[in-house]
């Protein structure tokens, strides 16, 4: 809950690619929700994601996934 205004944070489903994925995005993989802890740029536009669980995922430059992203309030 957003303590400053007493409202829950806004969340949105967004399509992410290796270019647009961000730390904190939650991606559903194999029925499990995985939050991106860190990411590293790889050659040819790919990125390696490290999830809070310690698992790794390499996104090819053309990979498209749906993520839940917390939107910053004003």
C-alpha atoms as a PDB file:
ATOM      1  CA  UNK A   1       0.000   0.000   0.000  1.00  0.00           C
ATOM      2  CA  UNK A   2       1.219   3.486  -0.832  1.00  0.00           C
ATOM      3  CA  UNK A   3       1.609   4.949   2.651  1.00  0.00           C
ATOM      4  CA  UNK A   4       1.781   8.570   1.510  1.00  0.00           C
ATOM      5  CA  UNK A   5      -1.676   8.523  -0.087  1.00  0.00           C
ATOM      6  CA  UNK A   6      -3.299   5.398   1.374  1.00  0.00           C
ATOM      7  CA  UNK A   7      -3.708   3.842  -2.098  1.00  0.00           C
ATOM      8  CA  UNK A   8      -2.275   0.585  -3.437  1.00  0.00           C
ATOM      9  CA  UNK A   9       0.485   1.004  -6.050  1.00  0.00           C
ATOM     10  CA  UNK A  10      -0.581   1.019  -9.700  1.00  0.00           C
ATOM     11  CA  UNK A  11       0.464  -2.007 -11.712  1.00  0.00           C
ATOM     12  CA  UNK A  12       0.254  -2.639 -15.450  1.00  0.00           C
ATOM     13  CA  UNK A  13       0.814  -5.567 -17.784  1.00  0.00           C
ATOM     14  CA  UNK A  14       3.449  -4.570 -20.320  1.00  0.00           C
ATOM     15  CA  UNK A  15       5.126  -6.402 -23.182  1.00  0.00           C
ATOM     16  CA  UNK A  16       8.880  -6.444 -22.628  1.00  0.00           C
ATOM     17  CA  UNK A  17      11.792  -7.181 -24.919  1.00  0.00           C
ATOM     18  CA  UNK A  18      15.506  -7.394 -24.198  1.00  0.00           C
ATOM     19  CA  UNK A  19      15.619  -3.632 -24.819  1.00  0.00           C
ATOM     20  CA  UNK A  20      12.743  -2.657 -22.486  1.00  0.00           C
ATOM     21  CA  UNK A  21      12.937  -5.139 -19.575  1.00  0.00           C
ATOM     22  CA  UNK A  22      13.707  -3.474 -16.226  1.00  0.00           C
ATOM     23  CA  UNK A  23      14.754  -4.449 -12.724  1.00  0.00           C
ATOM     24  CA  UNK A  24      11.658  -5.154 -10.653  1.00  0.00           C
ATOM     25  CA  UNK A  25       9.554  -6.479 -13.564  1.00  0.00           C
ATOM     26  CA  UNK A  26       7.626  -9.645 -12.650  1.00  0.00           C
ATOM     27  CA  UNK A  27       7.573 -12.223 -15.455  1.00  0.00           C
ATOM     28  CA  UNK A  28       5.441 -15.381 -15.335  1.00  0.00           C
ATOM     29  CA  UNK A  29       7.524 -18.398 -16.389  1.00  0.00           C
ATOM     30  CA  UNK A  30       6.228 -21.953 -16.159  1.00  0.00           C
ATOM     31  CA  UNK A  31       3.482 -20.929 -13.763  1.00  0.00           C
ATOM     32  CA  UNK A  32       5.869 -19.139 -11.392  1.00  0.00           C
ATOM     33  CA  UNK A  33       6.069 -15.369 -10.970  1.00  0.00           C
ATOM     34  CA  UNK A  34       9.734 -14.309 -11.167  1.00  0.00           C
ATOM     35  CA  UNK A  35      10.923 -10.799 -10.235  1.00  0.00           C
ATOM     36  CA  UNK A  36      13.969  -9.456 -12.120  1.00  0.00           C
ATOM     37  CA  UNK A  37      16.742  -8.688  -9.614  1.00  0.00           C
ATOM     38  CA  UNK A  38      19.488  -7.772 -12.085  1.00  0.00           C
ATOM     39  CA  UNK A  39      20.265  -7.892 -15.796  1.00  0.00           C
ATOM     40  CA  UNK A  40      23.328  -7.899 -18.010  1.00  0.00           C
ATOM     41  CA  UNK A  41      23.789  -6.892 -21.636  1.00  0.00           C
ATOM     42  CA  UNK A  42      25.017  -9.702 -23.900  1.00  0.00           C
ATOM     43  CA  UNK A  43      26.274  -9.573 -27.506  1.00  0.00           C
ATOM     44  CA  UNK A  44      23.838  -9.031 -30.391  1.00  0.00           C
ATOM     45  CA  UNK A  45      21.187  -7.264 -28.280  1.00  0.00           C
ATOM     46  CA  UNK A  46      20.456 -10.141 -25.896  1.00  0.00           C
ATOM     47  CA  UNK A  47      20.167  -9.751 -22.100  1.00  0.00           C
ATOM     48  CA  UNK A  48      20.656 -12.177 -19.254  1.00  0.00           C
ATOM     49  CA  UNK A  49      18.114 -11.736 -16.456  1.00  0.00           C
ATOM     50  CA  UNK A  50      18.793 -12.792 -12.888  1.00  0.00           C
ATOM     51  CA  UNK A  51      15.665 -13.387 -10.821  1.00  0.00           C
ATOM     52  CA  UNK A  52      15.328 -12.997  -7.044  1.00  0.00           C
ATOM     53  CA  UNK A  53      15.167 -16.812  -6.840  1.00  0.00           C
ATOM     54  CA  UNK A  54      18.677 -16.987  -8.353  1.00  0.00           C
ATOM     55  CA  UNK A  55      17.462 -18.476 -11.646  1.00  0.00           C
ATOM     56  CA  UNK A  56      18.755 -17.122 -14.949  1.00  0.00           C
ATOM     57  CA  UNK A  57      16.973 -16.374 -18.224  1.00  0.00           C
ATOM     58  CA  UNK A  58      18.613 -15.219 -21.431  1.00  0.00           C
ATOM     59  CA  UNK A  59      16.380 -13.070 -23.621  1.00  0.00           C
ATOM     60  CA  UNK A  60      17.235 -13.017 -27.328  1.00  0.00           C
ATOM     61  CA  UNK A  61      16.917  -9.632 -29.029  1.00  0.00           C
ATOM     62  CA  UNK A  62      13.579 -10.721 -30.572  1.00  0.00           C
ATOM     63  CA  UNK A  63      12.085 -12.378 -27.453  1.00  0.00           C
ATOM     64  CA  UNK A  64       8.794 -10.852 -26.288  1.00  0.00           C
ATOM     65  CA  UNK A  65       7.311 -11.570 -22.849  1.00  0.00           C
ATOM     66  CA  UNK A  66       4.515 -10.067 -20.751  1.00  0.00           C
ATOM     67  CA  UNK A  67       5.540  -8.602 -17.406  1.00  0.00           C
ATOM     68  CA  UNK A  68       3.756  -6.929 -14.505  1.00  0.00           C
ATOM     69  CA  UNK A  69       5.340  -3.575 -13.760  1.00  0.00           C
ATOM     70  CA  UNK A  70       4.669  -1.284 -10.796  1.00  0.00           C
ATOM     71  CA  UNK A  71       3.985   2.216 -12.057  1.00  0.00           C
ATOM     72  CA  UNK A  72       5.320   5.159 -10.095  1.00  0.00           C
ATOM     73  CA  UNK A  73       2.609   7.343  -8.584  1.00  0.00           C
ATOM     74  CA  UNK A  74       2.616  11.131  -8.725  1.00  0.00           C
END
